[in-house]
Amino acid sequence: MSTNPEILRSSNPQIPRILLVRLRQIGDVVFTTPAIRAIRTTFPAAHLSYVVEPAALPIVEHNPHLDEVIVAHRLRGVAGLRADFGLIRMLRAGRYDVAIDFHGGPRASLLTWLSGARRRIGYDVVGRGWMYTERVSRPRDLRPRHSVQNQFDLLAPLGIGPADPATAPVEMVAGNEAGRRVLERLRSEGVPAEARLIVIHVSSNSPFRRWPAESFAAAIADLAGSAEDRRIVVTAGPSEAGAAERIVAGARARLNGAAAERILRCGEFSLAELRALVDAAALYIGGDSGPLHIAAASRVPIVALYGPTLPIRSHPWRSSSIPSEAVDAGDLPCRPCDQRVCAPGDFRCLTGIRPDDVVHAAERLLAVRS
């Protein structure tokens, strides 16, 4: 697979060329990977290209079902206009037979239209549906339906579906180099080879999905103090590094001596490194955000924390033989919500999740794993 800007035309005119577009959020890009596999299975000889923005590039960079990844940089001013014109010329040179817009946003729909593909499939979005030759209905209301299933609606015009996590799970390949860096970092932190790692991701880019720091600290301390062979690796996004440090300090303050030393920070992890770290773990714990869905690409048990979102919409999309548990505050009249304004004003969907509930779920999955 190549990420350079040149598009190689196939010498065989019978090979279909398919363009996939999904911009922005990391988790949403992860949710397209089952569709990538399904398209490859249906059209094994096709040339598959994927347009993605830089932040989510690691999700698909090593995807074995793609022939090409095209990076759509987001630049401002004149540089941005030049980059976009160059990208459009590149897409048109690809002479795609089919373009599928998994995003539906203004930029994604425009790129899909300007690609010049003969068939352009996208959601029937007000003001932009005309850019597609085939439109798929997408209700504006929040539905009790997984996001992967919503993506598969766009594959119906190609005769593909329905979505099945057993045959088309989410995928992300970290790459050997990322795995090597992770193992070296764990060794440098003195983590024994036989230690049972618990990866706990404590941040989110949205306050609507961020469990309180005090709750994280309490759960981490409980898990670290319960068994000598455990090591808790606390991870966070770059913008939340300070909050992660405070959570680690708060958790350690609840313990004494050796137990406190089982809680590790290990610095920052890239998305590829986070994926490799999860593979080395016995358990992953985190909120409903991109890292959770990266973890779902592994075979590691997961405890997922849901605030304003519903598990049915974003639970780990993979075989049911891999154990996972969802923890939430239960039925609330304001849940789910559009995550723009907290109607009650107190984020009760997050504060209502008790540390004990998370710890008990974790202990159940660790027992199954052992």
Protein backbone atom coordinates (compact mmCIF):
# COMPACT_ATOMS: atom_id res chain seq x y z
CA MET A 1 0.00 0.00 0.00
CA SER A 2 1.24 3.48 -0.84
CA THR A 3 0.51 6.83 0.75
CA ASN A 4 2.33 8.90 -1.87
CA PRO A 5 0.18 11.22 -4.00
CA GLU A 6 0.66 9.44 -7.31
CA ILE A 7 -2.25 7.25 -8.43
CA LEU A 8 -1.27 4.26 -10.53
CA ARG A 9 -3.83 3.31 -13.17
CA SER A 10 -4.47 -0.38 -13.63
CA SER A 11 -3.70 -1.78 -17.08
CA ASN A 12 -6.78 -4.00 -16.79
CA PRO A 13 -9.96 -2.01 -17.54
CA GLN A 14 -12.06 -4.73 -15.86
CA ILE A 15 -10.64 -3.91 -12.44
CA PRO A 16 -13.05 -1.54 -10.67
CA ARG A 17 -11.56 1.48 -8.94
CA ILE A 18 -13.31 2.40 -5.70
CA LEU A 19 -12.73 5.54 -3.66
CA LEU A 20 -13.67 5.68 0.03
CA VAL A 21 -13.88 9.02 1.87
CA ARG A 22 -14.02 9.43 5.66
CA LEU A 23 -12.68 12.60 7.29
CA ARG A 24 -12.32 13.78 10.87
CA GLN A 25 -12.90 11.61 13.94
CA ILE A 26 -10.65 8.69 14.83
CA GLY A 27 -13.45 6.48 16.11
CA ASP A 28 -15.54 7.09 12.99
CA VAL A 29 -12.63 6.03 10.78
CA VAL A 30 -12.29 2.84 12.86
CA PHE A 31 -15.99 2.18 12.24
CA THR A 32 -15.41 2.16 8.48
CA THR A 33 -12.87 -0.69 8.62
CA PRO A 34 -15.51 -3.47 8.60
CA ALA A 35 -16.89 -1.89 5.40
CA ILE A 36 -13.39 -1.86 3.88
CA ARG A 37 -13.06 -5.60 4.52
CA ALA A 38 -16.55 -6.27 3.12
CA ILE A 39 -15.80 -4.34 -0.08
CA ARG A 40 -12.51 -6.21 -0.53
CA THR A 41 -14.28 -9.55 0.02
CA THR A 42 -16.95 -8.68 -2.55
CA PHE A 43 -14.55 -7.15 -5.08
CA PRO A 44 -11.25 -8.99 -4.49
CA ALA A 45 -9.58 -7.54 -7.60
CA ALA A 46 -10.69 -3.93 -7.07
CA HIS A 47 -8.30 -1.04 -6.51
CA LEU A 48 -9.37 0.50 -3.18
CA SER A 49 -8.29 4.03 -2.26
CA TYR A 50 -9.13 5.74 1.05
CA VAL A 51 -9.10 9.48 1.73
CA VAL A 52 -8.40 10.39 5.36
CA GLU A 53 -7.15 13.38 7.32
CA PRO A 54 -3.74 13.22 9.06
CA ALA A 55 -5.02 12.69 12.62
CA ALA A 56 -6.70 9.39 11.73
CA LEU A 57 -4.12 8.21 9.18
CA PRO A 58 -2.63 5.56 11.54
CA ILE A 59 -6.00 3.77 11.63
CA VAL A 60 -5.86 2.80 7.95
CA GLU A 61 -2.19 3.31 7.09
CA HIS A 62 -1.39 -0.42 7.28
CA ASN A 63 -4.85 -1.77 6.46
CA PRO A 64 -4.25 -4.94 4.42
CA HIS A 65 -7.41 -4.49 2.35
CA LEU A 66 -6.47 -1.08 0.93
CA ASP A 67 -4.26 -0.45 -2.10
CA GLU A 68 -3.74 3.21 -1.39
CA VAL A 69 -4.26 5.81 1.33
CA ILE A 70 -4.57 9.46 0.32
CA VAL A 71 -4.04 12.10 3.00
CA ALA A 72 -6.30 15.15 2.88
CA HIS A 73 -4.35 17.80 4.78
CA ARG A 74 -6.25 20.59 6.51
CA LEU A 75 -4.36 23.82 5.88
CA ARG A 76 -5.49 27.41 6.15
CA GLY A 77 -5.41 30.27 3.67
CA VAL A 78 -3.72 30.09 0.28
CA ALA A 79 -1.78 26.96 1.26
CA GLY A 80 -5.05 25.22 2.04
CA LEU A 81 -6.60 26.16 -1.30
CA ARG A 82 -3.54 24.91 -3.16
CA ALA A 83 -3.56 21.65 -1.23
CA ASP A 84 -7.26 21.09 -1.92
CA PHE A 85 -6.90 21.83 -5.64
CA GLY A 86 -3.99 19.40 -5.77
CA LEU A 87 -6.05 16.77 -3.97
CA ILE A 88 -8.98 17.22 -6.36
CA ARG A 89 -6.67 16.87 -9.39
CA MET A 90 -5.28 13.70 -7.84
CA LEU A 91 -8.75 12.22 -7.29
CA ARG A 92 -9.90 13.06 -10.81
CA ALA A 93 -6.75 11.47 -12.22
CA GLY A 94 -7.75 8.28 -10.43
CA ARG A 95 -10.77 7.85 -12.73
CA TYR A 96 -12.78 6.07 -10.08
CA ASP A 97 -15.79 3.97 -10.98
CA VAL A 98 -17.38 4.35 -7.54
CA ALA A 99 -16.88 6.86 -4.71
CA ILE A 100 -18.45 6.29 -1.29
CA ASP A 101 -18.68 9.16 1.19
CA PHE A 102 -18.81 7.67 4.69
CA HIS A 103 -18.70 11.15 6.25
CA GLY A 104 -21.36 13.38 4.70
CA GLY A 105 -19.76 16.63 5.85
CA PRO A 106 -19.31 19.61 3.50
CA ARG A 107 -15.68 18.90 2.60
CA ALA A 108 -16.15 15.14 2.21
CA SER A 109 -19.21 15.49 -0.01
CA LEU A 110 -17.43 18.09 -2.15
CA LEU A 111 -14.40 15.82 -2.61
CA THR A 112 -16.70 12.94 -3.52
CA TRP A 113 -18.50 15.02 -6.13
CA LEU A 114 -15.34 16.54 -7.60
CA SER A 115 -13.67 13.14 -7.82
CA GLY A 116 -15.65 12.65 -11.02
CA ALA A 117 -16.58 9.07 -10.14
CA ARG A 118 -19.43 7.73 -12.29
CA ARG A 119 -21.26 6.39 -9.22
CA ARG A 120 -21.18 8.52 -6.09
CA ILE A 121 -22.87 7.09 -3.00
CA GLY A 122 -23.60 9.13 0.11
CA TYR A 123 -26.19 10.00 2.73
CA ASP A 124 -29.21 12.05 1.72
CA VAL A 125 -28.02 15.17 3.56
CA VAL A 126 -29.99 18.39 3.17
CA GLY A 127 -28.19 20.77 0.84
CA ARG A 128 -25.57 18.21 -0.25
CA GLY A 129 -27.48 15.13 -1.39
CA TRP A 130 -27.42 16.39 -4.99
CA MET A 131 -23.67 15.68 -5.12
CA TYR A 132 -24.32 11.94 -5.14
CA THR A 133 -25.79 9.78 -7.88
CA GLU A 134 -27.19 7.41 -5.23
CA ARG A 135 -28.49 8.68 -1.90
CA VAL A 136 -29.04 6.66 1.26
CA SER A 137 -31.50 7.82 3.91
CA ARG A 138 -29.98 8.86 7.25
CA PRO A 139 -32.52 9.89 9.92
CA ARG A 140 -31.47 12.94 11.91
CA ASP A 141 -32.66 11.44 15.21
CA LEU A 142 -30.27 9.37 17.33
CA ARG A 143 -31.09 5.73 16.66
CA PRO A 144 -30.46 2.69 18.88
CA ARG A 145 -28.27 1.23 16.15
CA HIS A 146 -24.55 0.67 15.86
CA SER A 147 -22.53 3.16 13.82
CA VAL A 148 -20.98 0.31 11.80
CA GLN A 149 -24.47 -0.67 10.65
CA ASN A 150 -25.06 2.92 9.55
CA GLN A 151 -21.87 2.74 7.45
CA PHE A 152 -23.05 -0.50 5.85
CA ASP A 153 -26.21 1.24 4.61
CA LEU A 154 -23.93 2.90 2.06
CA LEU A 155 -22.80 -0.48 0.76
CA ALA A 156 -26.33 -1.69 -0.04
CA PRO A 157 -26.24 -0.16 -3.56
CA LEU A 158 -23.23 -2.44 -4.20
CA GLY A 159 -25.11 -5.49 -2.96
CA ILE A 160 -23.12 -5.72 0.29
CA GLY A 161 -24.61 -6.36 3.72
CA PRO A 162 -25.74 -6.75 6.38
CA ALA A 163 -22.92 -5.95 8.82
CA ASP A 164 -21.63 -8.86 10.89
CA PRO A 165 -18.97 -8.32 13.60
CA ALA A 166 -18.01 -12.01 13.49
CA THR A 167 -16.90 -11.82 9.85
CA ALA A 168 -16.07 -8.11 9.53
CA PRO A 169 -14.78 -6.71 12.86
CA VAL A 170 -13.09 -3.34 13.26
CA GLU A 171 -9.42 -3.50 12.32
CA MET A 172 -6.21 -1.58 12.89
CA VAL A 173 -2.69 -2.83 12.25
CA ALA A 174 -0.12 -1.04 14.40
CA GLY A 175 3.01 -2.09 12.53
CA ASN A 176 6.08 -3.86 13.89
CA GLU A 177 7.96 -0.67 14.70
CA ALA A 178 5.22 0.58 17.03
CA GLY A 179 5.17 -2.78 18.84
CA ARG A 180 8.93 -2.66 19.32
CA ARG A 181 8.80 0.86 20.77
CA VAL A 182 6.06 -0.12 23.22
CA LEU A 183 7.93 -3.18 24.50
CA GLU A 184 11.10 -1.11 24.96
CA ARG A 185 9.19 1.52 26.90
CA LEU A 186 7.59 -1.05 29.19
CA ARG A 187 11.00 -2.62 29.87
CA SER A 188 12.50 0.80 30.61
CA GLU A 189 9.72 1.35 33.18
CA GLY A 190 10.66 -1.93 34.89
CA VAL A 191 7.49 -3.79 33.93
CA PRO A 192 8.12 -7.54 34.41
CA ALA A 193 7.45 -9.73 31.38
CA GLU A 194 4.91 -11.74 33.39
CA ALA A 195 2.99 -8.69 34.66
CA ARG A 196 -0.71 -8.39 33.86
CA LEU A 197 -1.14 -5.00 32.22
CA ILE A 198 -4.33 -2.98 32.56
CA VAL A 199 -4.48 -0.05 30.12
CA ILE A 200 -6.74 2.75 31.33
CA HIS A 201 -7.38 5.67 28.98
CA VAL A 202 -8.51 8.66 31.04
CA SER A 203 -9.14 11.40 28.48
CA SER A 204 -11.56 12.38 25.75
CA ASN A 205 -11.71 15.33 23.38
CA SER A 206 -15.23 16.02 24.64
CA PRO A 207 -16.25 16.90 28.23
CA PHE A 208 -19.45 14.92 27.58
CA ARG A 209 -17.42 11.70 27.50
CA ARG A 210 -14.89 12.41 30.24
CA TRP A 211 -15.38 10.46 33.46
CA PRO A 212 -14.41 12.55 36.54
CA ALA A 213 -10.72 12.45 37.50
CA GLU A 214 -11.57 11.50 41.09
CA SER A 215 -13.52 8.49 39.88
CA PHE A 216 -10.67 7.33 37.68
CA ALA A 217 -8.20 7.73 40.55
CA ALA A 218 -10.38 5.67 42.90
CA ALA A 219 -10.84 2.85 40.38
CA ILE A 220 -7.15 2.78 39.44
CA ALA A 221 -6.06 2.61 43.08
CA ASP A 222 -8.48 -0.23 43.79
CA LEU A 223 -7.29 -2.28 40.83
CA ALA A 224 -3.59 -1.64 41.52
CA GLY A 225 -3.90 -2.56 45.19
CA SER A 226 -5.69 -5.85 44.57
CA ALA A 227 -2.91 -7.96 43.04
CA GLU A 228 0.89 -7.79 43.07
CA ASP A 229 1.30 -8.95 39.46
CA ARG A 230 -0.70 -6.04 38.02
CA ARG A 231 0.64 -2.92 36.37
CA ILE A 232 -1.74 -0.09 35.49
CA VAL A 233 -0.65 1.97 32.47
CA VAL A 234 -2.56 5.26 32.35
CA THR A 235 -2.84 6.81 28.89
CA ALA A 236 -4.33 10.06 27.60
CA GLY A 237 -4.41 12.29 24.56
CA PRO A 238 -1.67 14.96 24.27
CA SER A 239 -4.01 17.76 25.34
CA GLU A 240 -4.97 15.86 28.50
CA ALA A 241 -1.46 14.97 29.69
CA GLY A 242 -1.72 17.24 32.73
CA ALA A 243 -5.03 15.72 33.79
CA ALA A 244 -3.57 12.23 33.43
CA GLU A 245 -0.64 13.14 35.67
CA ARG A 246 -3.05 14.41 38.32
CA ILE A 247 -5.10 11.21 38.12
CA VAL A 248 -1.96 9.11 38.56
CA ALA A 249 -0.88 11.23 41.53
CA GLY A 250 -4.35 10.94 43.08
CA ALA A 251 -4.40 7.17 42.65
CA ARG A 252 -0.92 6.72 44.09
CA ALA A 253 -1.84 8.88 47.09
CA ARG A 254 -4.49 6.30 48.02
CA LEU A 255 -1.90 3.52 48.22
CA ASN A 256 1.33 2.77 50.04
CA GLY A 257 4.77 1.62 48.93
CA ALA A 258 4.94 -1.04 46.24
CA ALA A 259 1.23 -0.83 45.42
CA ALA A 260 1.57 2.82 44.40
CA GLU A 261 4.49 1.93 42.13
CA ARG A 262 2.23 -0.38 40.08
CA ILE A 263 0.58 2.69 38.55
CA LEU A 264 2.57 3.89 35.54
CA ARG A 265 2.31 6.77 33.10
CA CYS A 266 4.97 5.75 30.54
CA GLY A 267 4.76 9.02 28.61
CA GLU A 268 2.71 9.69 25.49
CA PHE A 269 1.63 6.99 23.05
CA SER A 270 0.86 7.57 19.40
CA LEU A 271 -2.26 5.90 18.01
CA ALA A 272 -0.16 3.08 16.55
CA GLU A 273 1.66 2.66 19.86
CA LEU A 274 -1.61 2.64 21.78
CA ARG A 275 -2.85 -0.14 19.50
CA ALA A 276 0.33 -2.15 20.17
CA LEU A 277 0.11 -1.45 23.91
CA VAL A 278 -3.42 -2.87 24.08
CA ASP A 279 -2.17 -6.09 22.45
CA ALA A 280 0.23 -6.49 25.38
CA ALA A 281 -2.53 -5.95 27.96
CA ALA A 282 -4.90 -8.21 29.87
CA LEU A 283 -7.63 -5.53 29.98
CA TYR A 284 -8.53 -2.12 28.56
CA ILE A 285 -10.72 0.44 30.37
CA GLY A 286 -11.89 3.70 28.83
CA GLY A 287 -14.72 5.96 27.78
CA ASP A 288 -16.59 6.03 24.48
CA SER A 289 -13.95 7.73 22.32
CA GLY A 290 -11.48 6.91 19.57
CA PRO A 291 -9.03 4.93 21.77
CA LEU A 292 -11.85 2.61 22.88
CA HIS A 293 -12.53 1.69 19.27
CA ILE A 294 -8.82 1.24 18.60
CA ALA A 295 -8.78 -1.19 21.55
CA ALA A 296 -11.76 -2.98 20.02
CA ALA A 297 -9.52 -3.96 17.09
CA SER A 298 -7.66 -6.26 19.52
CA ARG A 299 -8.75 -9.47 21.22
CA VAL A 300 -8.32 -7.91 24.67
CA PRO A 301 -11.32 -7.68 27.05
CA ILE A 302 -12.76 -4.17 27.41
CA VAL A 303 -14.64 -2.26 30.09
CA ALA A 304 -16.33 0.61 28.26
CA LEU A 305 -17.77 3.64 30.08
CA TYR A 306 -20.80 5.31 28.49
CA GLY A 307 -22.11 8.73 29.50
CA PRO A 308 -24.47 10.48 27.05
CA THR A 309 -24.01 7.77 24.41
CA LEU A 310 -25.60 4.33 24.28
CA PRO A 311 -23.63 1.06 24.17
CA ILE A 312 -25.80 -0.20 21.33
CA ARG A 313 -24.42 2.58 19.10
CA SER A 314 -20.71 2.12 19.77
CA HIS A 315 -19.97 -1.09 21.66
CA PRO A 316 -16.79 -2.95 20.57
CA TRP A 317 -17.59 -4.24 17.08
CA ARG A 318 -15.93 -7.65 17.06
CA SER A 319 -16.66 -11.31 17.76
CA SER A 320 -18.93 -11.91 20.75
CA SER A 321 -16.44 -14.54 21.93
CA ILE A 322 -14.18 -11.70 23.14
CA PRO A 323 -15.58 -10.50 26.48
CA SER A 324 -16.52 -6.88 27.01
CA GLU A 325 -18.68 -5.05 29.54
CA ALA A 326 -20.47 -1.72 29.31
CA VAL A 327 -20.84 0.44 32.42
CA ASP A 328 -23.20 3.41 32.52
CA ALA A 329 -25.46 5.38 34.84
CA GLY A 330 -28.60 3.59 33.67
CA ASP A 331 -31.76 5.06 32.19
CA LEU A 332 -31.91 8.84 32.34
CA PRO A 333 -34.57 11.04 30.67
CA CYS A 334 -31.80 13.14 29.06
CA ARG A 335 -29.83 10.18 27.70
CA PRO A 336 -28.80 9.89 24.91
CA CYS A 337 -28.21 13.53 24.02
CA ASP A 338 -26.66 15.54 21.20
CA GLN A 339 -23.67 16.45 23.43
CA ARG A 340 -23.94 20.18 22.88
CA VAL A 341 -25.51 21.27 26.18
CA CYS A 342 -25.99 19.25 29.36
CA ALA A 343 -29.70 19.80 30.01
CA PRO A 344 -29.57 19.07 33.79
CA GLY A 345 -26.25 20.93 34.00
CA ASP A 346 -24.47 18.39 36.21
CA PHE A 347 -23.28 15.69 33.73
CA ARG A 348 -25.13 13.10 35.77
CA CYS A 349 -24.68 10.48 33.06
CA LEU A 350 -20.95 10.56 33.91
CA THR A 351 -20.96 11.30 37.62
CA GLY A 352 -23.55 8.54 38.06
CA ILE A 353 -21.00 5.89 37.03
CA ARG A 354 -19.54 4.57 40.29
CA PRO A 355 -15.88 3.50 40.58
CA ASP A 356 -16.98 0.29 42.28
CA ASP A 357 -19.08 -0.66 39.25
CA VAL A 358 -16.08 -0.21 36.96
CA VAL A 359 -13.79 -2.17 39.29
CA HIS A 360 -16.26 -5.06 39.60
CA ALA A 361 -16.63 -5.24 35.80
CA ALA A 362 -12.84 -5.22 35.44
CA GLU A 363 -12.39 -7.99 37.99
CA ARG A 364 -14.98 -10.16 36.23
CA LEU A 365 -13.18 -9.81 32.89
CA LEU A 366 -9.75 -10.38 34.43
CA ALA A 367 -11.08 -13.59 36.00
CA VAL A 368 -12.38 -14.76 32.61
CA ARG A 369 -9.08 -13.84 30.96
CA SER A 370 -7.04 -15.79 33.49
